[in-house]
Amino acid sequence: MEYWSILLSIVISALGIHYLFRNYNFFKRHDVIHVPSVPILGNMTSVIFRRISMADFICKIYNFNPDAKYFGFYAMTNPIFLLRDPEIIKSILVKNFEAFHNRRSLSVLNEPLFANNLLFLHGQKWRDVRTLLSPSFTSSKMKMMFTLMSECAVDFANFLSTSIPGEKSDMNMKDVFTKYTNDVIATCAFGIKINSMKDPTNKFYVYGKEATNFPIMKIIFLLTFRTFGRIFNVKIISSHISNFFKDIIRTTIATRDAENIIRPDMIQLMMDIRGKRERKELDIDDMAAQAFIFSFASFETTSTTISFVAHEIATNPDVQVKLRQEIDQILEESNGQVTFEIINQFQYLDAIIKETLRLYPAIILERVCDETYELPPALPDEKPFTMKKGMTVWIPAYAIHHDAKYYDDPEKFRPERFLDNKMYHNSPCYMPFGLGPRMCIANRFAMLEVKVLLFHLLARCELKPCAKTTIPLKFSKKGVMLKPEGGFWLNVQCRSDMHPVLQSTITNSVAKS
């Protein structure tokens, strides 16, 4: 028995050494410019041991060779091509999308809510679901959802403005904004009306918060060591949370069928294709997965974006004054009745959000090669490189957005750069939602959600830095998501110059409650 144990150990060690040697010599074997690395952890030692934030790490890697169009580095054991050239980026994300239409699969996580959602689906299944969900985000659907969003934003802003205790109204803005985005996704995706500011113990908020509170590094580890996840059946989300989302879908469908209820939301769209031969139906797991990913995005991505916007508004008083003037002018002209068409006419608010998304975008975009594709020479004296199926590219959106080659004074918050400037539209140098057919399907939804809240919040309140506000921002070294150390803390005050139309509305609202 001892003999077989020793033999097995030798075989496993030999296979491990072969695997590491094969991976860690990938760029050297193919004569590709690459960042020197160490075994197992690759180039990510400083990130894994929390010596540097993911955003700062990507910028450091990005500047390894400023003249190269691309080069290689190792994300733990995975060889990654980091793309720097805008033309190559546009070619991969747009022109040659068919060769790079997938991300790495999360099917290895044994977690349907992750593996089956639009963000990580592959091939034809992705196309089917994308085609199915796209009508949810047309202008007509956005107009209907605007009403639902506005109700959430008014409830949020009124509650906040009437419950501010005074000078000591310092708040963790990420926490309060998450409550708003939670309410929006509950009503727009699940058809559930809740008010998380008044009732922060509601199950949708509590379970949603728990579902998104998992270590991102755990997913990165499982993506790197896929066999480990399959063998040990590793779960990212607890069963009771998965069952909660599925039960909501089942109950909603049963209730609407029984009572003939129709709502302008995502569940309704998925219900409407039932019985249509030309469209493949989604089962409960598929429906729950699509609804979940939008819930996840609201909890994390959208609420974080609003938090960054609020931080920049608070720390740039001149910007806040100009924005309040725009808001008050619109209130005056519309007599307080702000419609879908009017909210989309806010030029300065739109510029503020776009500039915030430039400064704080998703750190990277990832694509996996699905068919042979030739990269041009990385440098004039280098040879082209032919990518094969399974090879991975990263597009460092954060680093590109902070490159002085593409943006004057890139570290400065300057909304004016987006006023009447169309040069960033569909540009590979500006991609907060990605580019091409796989760009974020809900980008218009997210922008509207942010605009509606900021309008109602800034019409009623003033944002100021407080003792806990980090100036300048320093990114957290924990995890890979973009967030500041210490959180998003601001002081929130009621506006002393609130427009009379809004003042009377709030007074009536308080009297009714």
Protein backbone atom coordinates (compact mmCIF):
# COMPACT_ATOMS: atom_id res chain seq x y z
CA MET A 1 0.00 0.00 0.00
CA GLU A 2 2.89 2.32 0.88
CA TYR A 3 4.42 1.58 -2.53
CA TRP A 4 1.27 2.71 -4.35
CA SER A 5 1.05 5.87 -2.22
CA ILE A 6 4.62 6.79 -3.10
CA LEU A 7 3.98 6.04 -6.79
CA LEU A 8 0.79 8.12 -6.78
CA SER A 9 2.63 11.03 -5.15
CA ILE A 10 5.36 10.86 -7.79
CA VAL A 11 2.80 10.80 -10.63
CA ILE A 12 0.85 13.73 -9.16
CA SER A 13 4.04 15.72 -8.61
CA ALA A 14 5.24 14.98 -12.14
CA LEU A 15 1.91 16.06 -13.63
CA GLY A 16 1.92 19.20 -11.49
CA ILE A 17 5.45 20.12 -12.55
CA HIS A 18 4.58 19.46 -16.20
CA TYR A 19 1.45 21.62 -15.90
CA LEU A 20 3.33 24.48 -14.28
CA PHE A 21 6.26 24.23 -16.69
CA ARG A 22 3.92 24.17 -19.68
CA ASN A 23 1.91 27.17 -18.45
CA TYR A 24 4.80 29.27 -17.16
CA ASN A 25 6.75 28.86 -20.33
CA PHE A 26 3.80 29.75 -22.55
CA PHE A 27 4.93 33.25 -23.52
CA LYS A 28 8.60 32.30 -23.64
CA ARG A 29 7.88 29.33 -25.92
CA HIS A 30 5.87 31.54 -28.27
CA ASP A 31 8.35 34.43 -28.14
CA VAL A 32 5.75 36.91 -26.81
CA ILE A 33 6.72 39.98 -24.76
CA HIS A 34 5.64 39.29 -21.17
CA VAL A 35 5.96 40.47 -17.59
CA PRO A 36 8.33 38.34 -15.48
CA SER A 37 6.39 36.21 -12.98
CA VAL A 38 6.64 33.62 -10.21
CA PRO A 39 5.12 30.11 -10.17
CA ILE A 40 1.54 29.50 -8.93
CA LEU A 41 0.71 33.15 -8.20
CA GLY A 42 1.99 34.50 -11.51
CA ASN A 43 2.07 38.31 -11.51
CA MET A 44 -0.71 38.69 -8.93
CA THR A 45 1.30 38.17 -5.74
CA SER A 46 0.83 41.79 -4.64
CA VAL A 47 -2.94 41.60 -5.21
CA ILE A 48 -3.41 38.25 -3.48
CA PHE A 49 -1.45 39.41 -0.42
CA ARG A 50 -3.29 42.77 -0.41
CA ARG A 51 -0.29 44.97 -0.96
CA ILE A 52 -1.93 46.79 -3.87
CA SER A 53 -5.48 47.32 -5.13
CA MET A 54 -6.64 45.59 -8.30
CA ALA A 55 -7.01 48.95 -10.08
CA ASP A 56 -3.47 50.03 -9.20
CA PHE A 57 -2.18 46.58 -10.18
CA ILE A 58 -3.76 46.81 -13.64
CA CYS A 59 -2.28 50.27 -14.18
CA LYS A 60 1.14 49.00 -13.15
CA ILE A 61 0.92 46.05 -15.55
CA TYR A 62 -0.51 48.29 -18.29
CA ASN A 63 2.58 50.51 -18.11
CA PHE A 64 5.03 47.59 -18.27
CA ASN A 65 5.80 48.40 -21.91
CA PRO A 66 4.02 51.57 -23.13
CA ASP A 67 5.17 51.04 -26.71
CA ALA A 68 3.76 47.51 -27.08
CA LYS A 69 0.30 46.95 -28.53
CA TYR A 70 -0.11 43.97 -26.22
CA PHE A 71 1.95 41.68 -24.03
CA GLY A 72 1.51 38.70 -21.76
CA PHE A 73 1.30 38.22 -18.02
CA TYR A 74 0.11 35.48 -15.67
CA ALA A 75 -3.06 35.74 -13.60
CA MET A 76 -2.00 33.01 -11.20
CA THR A 77 -1.50 30.01 -13.52
CA ASN A 78 -3.42 31.49 -16.46
CA PRO A 79 -1.47 33.14 -19.30
CA ILE A 80 -3.32 36.35 -20.22
CA PHE A 81 -2.85 38.69 -23.19
CA LEU A 82 -3.21 42.31 -22.01
CA LEU A 83 -4.35 44.51 -24.89
CA ARG A 84 -3.22 48.15 -25.05
CA ASP A 85 -3.91 49.17 -28.63
CA PRO A 86 -7.40 50.70 -29.27
CA GLU A 87 -7.58 49.31 -32.80
CA ILE A 88 -6.90 45.74 -31.63
CA ILE A 89 -9.41 46.20 -28.81
CA LYS A 90 -12.08 47.39 -31.24
CA SER A 91 -11.26 44.55 -33.61
CA ILE A 92 -11.71 41.94 -30.89
CA LEU A 93 -14.80 43.43 -29.20
CA VAL A 94 -16.61 44.59 -32.34
CA LYS A 95 -15.25 43.70 -35.78
CA ASN A 96 -14.18 40.13 -34.97
CA PHE A 97 -16.69 39.53 -32.21
CA GLU A 98 -17.45 35.99 -33.44
CA ALA A 99 -13.90 34.95 -32.59
CA PHE A 100 -14.13 36.41 -29.06
CA HIS A 101 -17.79 36.29 -28.02
CA ASN A 102 -17.34 34.40 -24.72
CA ARG A 103 -15.99 35.00 -21.26
CA ARG A 104 -14.58 32.20 -19.17
CA SER A 105 -17.41 29.90 -18.13
CA LEU A 106 -18.63 29.70 -14.54
CA SER A 107 -20.28 26.32 -15.10
CA VAL A 108 -17.47 24.84 -13.00
CA LEU A 109 -18.94 26.54 -9.94
CA ASN A 110 -21.95 24.19 -9.81
CA GLU A 111 -24.04 27.32 -9.26
CA PRO A 112 -26.94 27.78 -11.73
CA LEU A 113 -27.59 31.38 -10.69
CA PHE A 114 -24.09 32.25 -11.91
CA ALA A 115 -23.51 29.74 -14.69
CA ASN A 116 -26.89 30.22 -16.40
CA ASN A 117 -27.13 34.00 -16.44
CA LEU A 118 -26.58 36.19 -19.49
CA LEU A 119 -23.24 37.48 -18.25
CA PHE A 120 -21.55 34.07 -18.41
CA LEU A 121 -23.59 32.09 -20.94
CA HIS A 122 -21.80 30.85 -24.05
CA GLY A 123 -22.58 30.31 -27.71
CA GLN A 124 -26.11 29.87 -28.98
CA LYS A 125 -27.63 29.86 -25.49
CA TRP A 126 -26.19 33.32 -24.92
CA ARG A 127 -27.59 34.53 -28.24
CA ASP A 128 -31.05 33.12 -27.46
CA VAL A 129 -31.22 34.71 -24.02
CA ARG A 130 -29.76 38.02 -25.22
CA THR A 131 -32.35 38.17 -28.01
CA LEU A 132 -35.08 37.35 -25.53
CA LEU A 133 -34.10 39.99 -22.97
CA SER A 134 -33.20 42.82 -25.37
CA PRO A 135 -36.83 44.05 -25.73
CA SER A 136 -36.80 44.73 -21.96
CA PHE A 137 -34.51 47.68 -22.60
CA THR A 138 -36.09 49.44 -25.57
CA SER A 139 -37.16 53.08 -25.25
CA SER A 140 -40.80 52.11 -24.80
CA LYS A 141 -39.95 49.67 -21.99
CA MET A 142 -37.61 52.20 -20.39
CA LYS A 143 -40.42 54.73 -20.43
CA MET A 144 -42.67 52.32 -18.54
CA MET A 145 -39.94 51.42 -16.06
CA PHE A 146 -39.21 55.12 -15.52
CA THR A 147 -42.47 55.39 -13.59
CA LEU A 148 -41.47 52.49 -11.34
CA MET A 149 -37.99 53.93 -10.81
CA SER A 150 -39.39 57.37 -10.03
CA GLU A 151 -41.63 55.95 -7.31
CA CYS A 152 -38.59 54.32 -5.70
CA ALA A 153 -36.48 57.48 -6.04
CA VAL A 154 -39.18 59.74 -4.57
CA ASP A 155 -39.72 57.36 -1.63
CA PHE A 156 -35.96 57.22 -1.08
CA ALA A 157 -35.31 60.96 -1.34
CA ASN A 158 -38.33 61.95 0.77
CA PHE A 159 -37.40 59.49 3.50
CA LEU A 160 -33.80 60.68 3.50
CA SER A 161 -34.63 64.39 3.48
CA THR A 162 -37.20 64.09 6.27
CA SER A 163 -35.09 61.87 8.54
CA ILE A 164 -31.80 63.79 8.50
CA PRO A 165 -30.99 64.48 12.17
CA GLY A 166 -29.00 67.67 11.59
CA GLU A 167 -25.33 68.52 11.51
CA LYS A 168 -24.28 64.97 12.41
CA SER A 169 -25.93 63.44 9.35
CA ASP A 170 -22.86 61.52 8.20
CA MET A 171 -23.87 58.51 6.14
CA ASN A 172 -22.38 55.47 4.48
CA MET A 173 -23.69 56.31 1.02
CA LYS A 174 -23.08 52.83 -0.43
CA ASP A 175 -25.42 51.41 2.19
CA VAL A 176 -28.29 53.81 1.48
CA PHE A 177 -27.87 53.70 -2.29
CA THR A 178 -27.94 49.91 -2.22
CA LYS A 179 -31.39 50.14 -0.64
CA TYR A 180 -32.60 52.27 -3.55
CA THR A 181 -31.13 50.05 -6.28
CA ASN A 182 -32.52 47.02 -4.47
CA ASP A 183 -36.02 48.51 -4.57
CA VAL A 184 -35.68 49.39 -8.26
CA ILE A 185 -34.65 45.89 -9.31
CA ALA A 186 -37.32 44.35 -7.09
CA THR A 187 -40.07 46.27 -8.87
CA CYS A 188 -38.60 46.35 -12.40
CA ALA A 189 -37.36 42.75 -12.59
CA PHE A 190 -39.43 40.82 -10.04
CA GLY A 191 -42.60 42.90 -9.84
CA ILE A 192 -42.30 43.36 -6.06
CA LYS A 193 -42.97 46.72 -4.38
CA ILE A 194 -40.77 47.30 -1.32
CA ASN A 195 -39.24 50.24 0.56
CA SER A 196 -35.89 49.20 1.98
CA MET A 197 -35.23 52.58 3.59
CA LYS A 198 -38.28 52.14 5.82
CA ASP A 199 -37.98 48.36 6.05
CA PRO A 200 -34.31 47.28 5.79
CA THR A 201 -35.18 43.82 7.13
CA ASN A 202 -37.29 42.77 4.13
CA LYS A 203 -36.18 39.42 2.73
CA PHE A 204 -35.44 40.71 -0.76
CA TYR A 205 -32.90 43.18 0.62
CA VAL A 206 -31.44 40.86 3.27
CA TYR A 207 -31.06 37.89 0.89
CA GLY A 208 -29.84 40.11 -1.93
CA LYS A 209 -27.16 41.55 0.34
CA GLU A 210 -26.13 38.08 1.46
CA ALA A 211 -26.07 36.78 -2.13
CA THR A 212 -23.63 39.49 -3.23
CA ASN A 213 -21.43 39.25 -0.13
CA PHE A 214 -19.06 36.54 -1.30
CA PRO A 215 -15.28 36.63 -1.83
CA ILE A 216 -14.51 37.48 -5.46
CA MET A 217 -11.08 35.93 -5.03
CA LYS A 218 -12.84 32.63 -4.40
CA ILE A 219 -14.32 32.75 -7.91
CA ILE A 220 -10.94 33.67 -9.39
CA PHE A 221 -9.38 30.70 -7.58
CA LEU A 222 -12.07 28.33 -8.86
CA LEU A 223 -11.73 29.67 -12.40
CA THR A 224 -8.01 28.99 -12.16
CA PHE A 225 -8.28 25.54 -10.57
CA ARG A 226 -11.48 24.32 -12.23
CA THR A 227 -11.16 20.65 -11.32
CA PHE A 228 -11.08 21.56 -7.63
CA GLY A 229 -14.51 23.17 -7.84
CA ARG A 230 -16.04 20.23 -9.66
CA ILE A 231 -14.61 17.56 -7.38
CA PHE A 232 -15.58 19.26 -4.12
CA ASN A 233 -18.87 20.72 -5.42
CA VAL A 234 -17.98 24.20 -4.15
CA LYS A 235 -20.94 26.56 -3.75
CA ILE A 236 -20.77 30.33 -3.94
CA ILE A 237 -24.36 31.04 -2.95
CA SER A 238 -26.22 29.30 -0.13
CA SER A 239 -29.10 27.00 -1.09
CA HIS A 240 -31.66 29.02 0.85
CA ILE A 241 -30.82 32.10 -1.23
CA SER A 242 -31.04 30.21 -4.54
CA ASN A 243 -34.38 28.76 -3.46
CA PHE A 244 -35.61 32.21 -2.44
CA PHE A 245 -35.05 33.65 -5.92
CA LYS A 246 -36.61 30.59 -7.59
CA ASP A 247 -39.64 30.73 -5.29
CA ILE A 248 -40.19 34.40 -6.17
CA ILE A 249 -40.25 33.49 -9.86
CA ARG A 250 -42.63 30.55 -9.33
CA THR A 251 -44.99 32.55 -7.11
CA THR A 252 -45.01 35.55 -9.42
CA ILE A 253 -45.77 33.44 -12.49
CA ALA A 254 -48.55 31.51 -10.72
CA THR A 255 -50.15 34.70 -9.37
CA ARG A 256 -50.06 36.50 -12.71
CA ASP A 257 -51.46 33.52 -14.56
CA ALA A 258 -54.27 33.09 -12.03
CA GLU A 259 -55.21 36.77 -11.82
CA ASN A 260 -54.32 37.76 -15.40
CA ILE A 261 -51.83 40.38 -14.20
CA ILE A 262 -49.50 42.02 -16.72
CA ARG A 263 -46.56 44.23 -15.69
CA PRO A 264 -43.80 45.96 -17.68
CA ASP A 265 -40.96 43.93 -16.18
CA MET A 266 -38.46 41.21 -17.02
CA ILE A 267 -40.49 38.31 -15.64
CA GLN A 268 -43.41 39.29 -17.84
CA LEU A 269 -41.19 39.26 -20.91
CA MET A 270 -39.95 35.76 -20.08
CA MET A 271 -43.53 34.63 -19.46
CA ASP A 272 -44.79 36.03 -22.76
CA ILE A 273 -42.70 33.66 -24.90
CA ARG A 274 -44.33 30.57 -23.44
CA GLY A 275 -46.15 28.57 -26.07
CA LYS A 276 -44.49 30.34 -28.99
CA ARG A 277 -42.81 27.74 -31.16
CA GLU A 278 -40.29 30.08 -32.69
CA ARG A 279 -38.90 31.00 -29.27
CA LYS A 280 -37.30 28.62 -26.80
CA GLU A 281 -38.79 28.86 -23.33
CA LEU A 282 -36.69 29.41 -20.22
CA ASP A 283 -37.20 27.14 -17.22
CA ILE A 284 -37.35 28.37 -13.62
CA ASP A 285 -33.58 28.02 -13.15
CA ASP A 286 -32.93 30.09 -16.29
CA MET A 287 -35.43 32.79 -15.29
CA ALA A 288 -34.03 32.98 -11.77
CA ALA A 289 -30.48 33.25 -13.14
CA GLN A 290 -31.38 36.22 -15.38
CA ALA A 291 -33.26 38.01 -12.61
CA PHE A 292 -30.45 37.31 -10.17
CA ILE A 293 -27.69 38.83 -12.29
CA PHE A 294 -29.66 42.09 -12.54
CA SER A 295 -30.18 41.99 -8.79
CA PHE A 296 -26.43 41.44 -8.33
CA ALA A 297 -25.64 44.34 -10.66
CA SER A 298 -27.98 46.63 -8.71
CA PHE A 299 -26.47 45.68 -5.38
CA GLU A 300 -22.90 46.12 -6.53
CA THR A 301 -22.30 47.86 -9.86
CA THR A 302 -25.09 50.44 -9.93
CA SER A 303 -25.02 51.34 -6.25
CA THR A 304 -21.23 51.70 -6.41
CA THR A 305 -21.50 53.99 -9.47
CA ILE A 306 -24.01 56.23 -7.67
CA SER A 307 -21.69 56.29 -4.66
CA PHE A 308 -18.75 57.43 -6.79
CA VAL A 309 -20.95 60.10 -8.44
CA ALA A 310 -22.07 61.34 -5.02
CA HIS A 311 -18.45 61.46 -3.83
CA GLU A 312 -17.36 63.55 -6.82
CA ILE A 313 -20.33 65.90 -6.46
CA ALA A 314 -19.61 66.39 -2.76
CA THR A 315 -15.89 66.99 -3.22
CA ASN A 316 -16.36 69.36 -6.17
CA PRO A 317 -18.66 72.12 -4.86
CA ASP A 318 -18.63 74.04 -8.15
CA VAL A 319 -19.97 70.95 -9.93
CA GLN A 320 -22.72 70.53 -7.33
CA VAL A 321 -23.81 74.18 -7.61
CA LYS A 322 -24.01 73.94 -11.41
CA LEU A 323 -25.97 70.67 -11.20
CA ARG A 324 -28.46 72.11 -8.68
CA GLN A 325 -29.01 75.06 -11.01
CA GLU A 326 -29.82 72.69 -13.87
CA ILE A 327 -32.19 70.69 -11.65
CA ASP A 328 -33.98 73.79 -10.36
CA GLN A 329 -34.37 75.19 -13.85
CA ILE A 330 -35.98 71.96 -15.02
CA LEU A 331 -38.28 71.93 -11.96
CA GLU A 332 -39.31 75.49 -12.71
CA GLU A 333 -40.01 74.82 -16.39
CA SER A 334 -41.89 71.56 -15.73
CA ASN A 335 -43.70 72.71 -12.58
CA GLY A 336 -42.22 69.72 -10.79
CA GLN A 337 -43.55 67.14 -13.27
CA VAL A 338 -40.38 65.49 -14.55
CA THR A 339 -41.11 62.96 -17.30
CA PHE A 340 -39.02 60.31 -19.03
CA GLU A 341 -38.33 62.72 -21.89
CA ILE A 342 -37.30 65.52 -19.52
CA ILE A 343 -34.94 63.39 -17.41
CA ASN A 344 -33.04 62.50 -20.58
CA GLN A 345 -32.54 66.19 -21.39
CA PHE A 346 -30.29 66.79 -18.39
CA GLN A 347 -27.02 67.56 -20.16
CA TYR A 348 -24.83 68.39 -17.19
CA LEU A 349 -26.13 65.50 -15.07
CA ASP A 350 -25.45 63.17 -18.00
CA ALA A 351 -21.90 64.55 -18.32
CA ILE A 352 -21.28 64.08 -14.58
CA ILE A 353 -22.30 60.43 -14.73
CA LYS A 354 -20.24 59.75 -17.86
CA GLU A 355 -17.16 61.38 -16.35
CA THR A 356 -17.63 59.31 -13.19
CA LEU A 357 -17.84 56.16 -15.29
CA ARG A 358 -14.62 57.20 -17.00
CA LEU A 359 -12.82 57.60 -13.70
CA TYR A 360 -14.32 54.49 -12.09
CA PRO A 361 -15.21 51.89 -14.75
CA ALA A 362 -15.06 48.13 -14.54
CA ILE A 363 -11.36 47.39 -14.07
CA ILE A 364 -11.07 44.85 -16.89
CA LEU A 365 -13.07 43.29 -19.71
CA GLU A 366 -12.36 39.64 -20.49
CA ARG A 367 -12.79 37.59 -23.64
CA VAL A 368 -11.79 34.04 -24.59
CA CYS A 369 -10.61 33.19 -28.10
CA ASP A 370 -13.01 30.76 -29.83
CA GLU A 371 -11.32 30.46 -33.19
CA THR A 372 -7.91 31.16 -34.72
CA TYR A 373 -7.13 34.88 -34.76
CA GLU A 374 -3.93 36.67 -35.76
CA LEU A 375 -2.68 39.52 -33.61
CA PRO A 376 -0.44 42.04 -35.41
CA PRO A 377 3.14 42.46 -34.16
CA ALA A 378 3.25 43.86 -30.62
CA LEU A 379 6.24 46.02 -31.64
CA PRO A 380 7.52 46.99 -35.12
CA ASP A 381 10.38 44.49 -34.96
CA GLU A 382 8.24 41.63 -33.58
CA LYS A 383 6.30 38.92 -35.42
CA PRO A 384 2.51 38.53 -35.51
CA PHE A 385 1.04 36.03 -33.06
CA THR A 386 -1.74 33.57 -33.90
CA MET A 387 -4.15 33.09 -31.02
CA LYS A 388 -5.76 29.67 -30.61
CA LYS A 389 -9.02 28.55 -29.09
CA GLY A 390 -9.07 28.87 -25.31
CA MET A 391 -6.55 31.70 -25.00
CA THR A 392 -7.68 34.67 -22.89
CA VAL A 393 -7.41 38.42 -23.41
CA TRP A 394 -7.95 41.20 -20.89
CA ILE A 395 -8.88 44.73 -21.90
CA PRO A 396 -7.74 47.07 -19.09
CA ALA A 397 -10.61 49.56 -19.23
CA TYR A 398 -9.61 51.33 -16.02
CA ALA A 399 -6.01 51.88 -17.17
CA ILE A 400 -7.08 53.09 -20.63
CA HIS A 401 -9.56 55.54 -19.07
CA HIS A 402 -6.66 56.97 -17.03
CA ASP A 403 -4.15 57.16 -19.89
CA ALA A 404 -2.99 60.72 -20.64
CA LYS A 405 -2.61 59.64 -24.26
CA TYR A 406 -6.41 59.60 -24.58
CA TYR A 407 -7.56 62.06 -21.88
CA ASP A 408 -6.10 65.43 -20.91
CA ASP A 409 -5.39 65.55 -17.18
CA PRO A 410 -6.97 62.07 -16.77
CA GLU A 411 -6.99 62.01 -12.94
CA LYS A 412 -9.08 65.19 -12.74
CA PHE A 413 -12.89 65.06 -12.51
CA ARG A 414 -14.03 67.24 -15.42
CA PRO A 415 -17.63 66.62 -16.59
CA GLU A 416 -17.22 69.33 -19.22
CA ARG A 417 -15.16 66.95 -21.37
CA PHE A 418 -18.41 65.10 -22.16
CA LEU A 419 -20.54 68.14 -22.99
CA ASP A 420 -21.33 68.21 -26.72
CA ASN A 421 -18.43 65.84 -27.34
CA LYS A 422 -19.30 62.79 -29.40
CA MET A 423 -15.75 61.51 -29.78
CA TYR A 424 -16.19 59.03 -26.92
CA HIS A 425 -19.28 57.40 -28.38
CA ASN A 426 -18.47 53.76 -29.23
CA SER A 427 -14.80 54.53 -28.68
CA PRO A 428 -12.38 51.80 -27.55
CA CYS A 429 -10.92 54.48 -25.29
CA TYR A 430 -14.23 54.81 -23.39
CA MET A 431 -15.97 51.58 -22.45
CA PRO A 432 -17.63 51.69 -19.02
CA PHE A 433 -20.26 49.22 -20.28
CA GLY A 434 -17.97 47.34 -22.66
CA LEU A 435 -18.16 47.48 -26.46
CA GLY A 436 -19.74 45.49 -29.25
CA PRO A 437 -22.56 42.93 -29.21
CA ARG A 438 -21.65 41.75 -25.70
CA MET A 439 -21.65 45.17 -24.05
CA CYS A 440 -23.90 45.49 -20.99
CA ILE A 441 -27.48 44.88 -22.10
CA ALA A 442 -28.82 47.04 -19.26
CA ASN A 443 -26.61 50.11 -19.79
CA ARG A 444 -29.58 52.38 -20.62
CA PHE A 445 -31.50 50.99 -17.66
CA ALA A 446 -28.55 51.67 -15.33
CA MET A 447 -28.03 55.21 -16.64
CA LEU A 448 -31.73 56.01 -16.20
CA GLU A 449 -31.72 54.50 -12.70
CA VAL A 450 -28.77 56.70 -11.70
CA LYS A 451 -30.21 59.86 -13.27
CA VAL A 452 -33.60 59.49 -11.62
CA LEU A 453 -32.13 59.08 -8.17
CA LEU A 454 -29.58 61.89 -8.47
CA PHE A 455 -32.25 64.27 -9.71
CA HIS A 456 -34.55 63.64 -6.75
CA LEU A 457 -31.68 63.53 -4.24
CA LEU A 458 -29.95 66.74 -5.34
CA ALA A 459 -33.27 68.56 -5.69
CA ARG A 460 -33.82 67.97 -1.95
CA CYS A 461 -30.38 67.56 -0.40
CA GLU A 462 -26.85 68.91 -0.39
CA LEU A 463 -23.84 66.59 -0.22
CA LYS A 464 -20.66 67.51 1.66
CA PRO A 465 -17.47 65.74 2.71
CA CYS A 466 -17.29 64.64 6.33
CA ALA A 467 -14.53 63.50 8.70
CA LYS A 468 -14.72 59.95 7.30
CA THR A 469 -14.54 61.01 3.64
CA THR A 470 -11.31 59.86 2.03
CA ILE A 471 -9.74 62.68 -0.03
CA PRO A 472 -8.14 61.80 -2.33
CA LEU A 473 -9.71 58.38 -2.77
CA LYS A 474 -7.57 55.36 -2.01
CA PHE A 475 -8.82 52.06 -3.34
CA SER A 476 -9.32 49.11 -1.05
CA LYS A 477 -6.81 46.29 -1.37
CA LYS A 478 -9.44 43.72 -0.40
CA GLY A 479 -11.03 41.86 -3.31
CA VAL A 480 -10.99 42.94 -6.94
CA MET A 481 -13.96 45.30 -7.03
CA LEU A 482 -13.39 49.04 -7.27
CA LYS A 483 -14.20 50.60 -3.88
CA PRO A 484 -12.50 53.09 -1.56
CA GLU A 485 -10.81 52.26 1.71
CA GLY A 486 -13.15 53.03 4.59
CA GLY A 487 -16.26 53.18 2.41
CA PHE A 488 -18.29 56.03 0.88
CA TRP A 489 -18.94 58.45 3.75
CA LEU A 490 -20.56 61.85 3.18
CA ASN A 491 -22.52 64.44 5.10
CA VAL A 492 -26.09 64.88 3.84
CA GLN A 493 -27.99 68.10 4.53
CA CYS A 494 -31.44 69.26 3.50
CA ARG A 495 -31.24 72.07 0.98
CA SER A 496 -32.11 75.43 2.49
CA ASP A 497 -33.01 76.66 -1.00
CA MET A 498 -35.23 73.72 -1.98
CA HIS A 499 -37.63 74.54 -4.81
CA PRO A 500 -41.12 75.47 -3.46
CA VAL A 501 -42.80 72.83 -5.65
CA LEU A 502 -40.78 70.08 -4.01
CA GLN A 503 -41.13 71.54 -0.51
CA SER A 504 -44.93 71.34 -0.72
CA THR A 505 -44.74 67.81 -2.16
CA ILE A 506 -42.58 66.60 0.74
CA THR A 507 -44.84 68.30 3.30
CA ASN A 508 -47.91 66.57 1.85
CA SER A 509 -46.05 63.24 1.75
CA VAL A 510 -45.09 63.48 5.43
CA ALA A 511 -48.65 64.43 6.39
CA LYS A 512 -50.07 61.37 4.60
CA SER A 513 -47.58 58.99 6.22
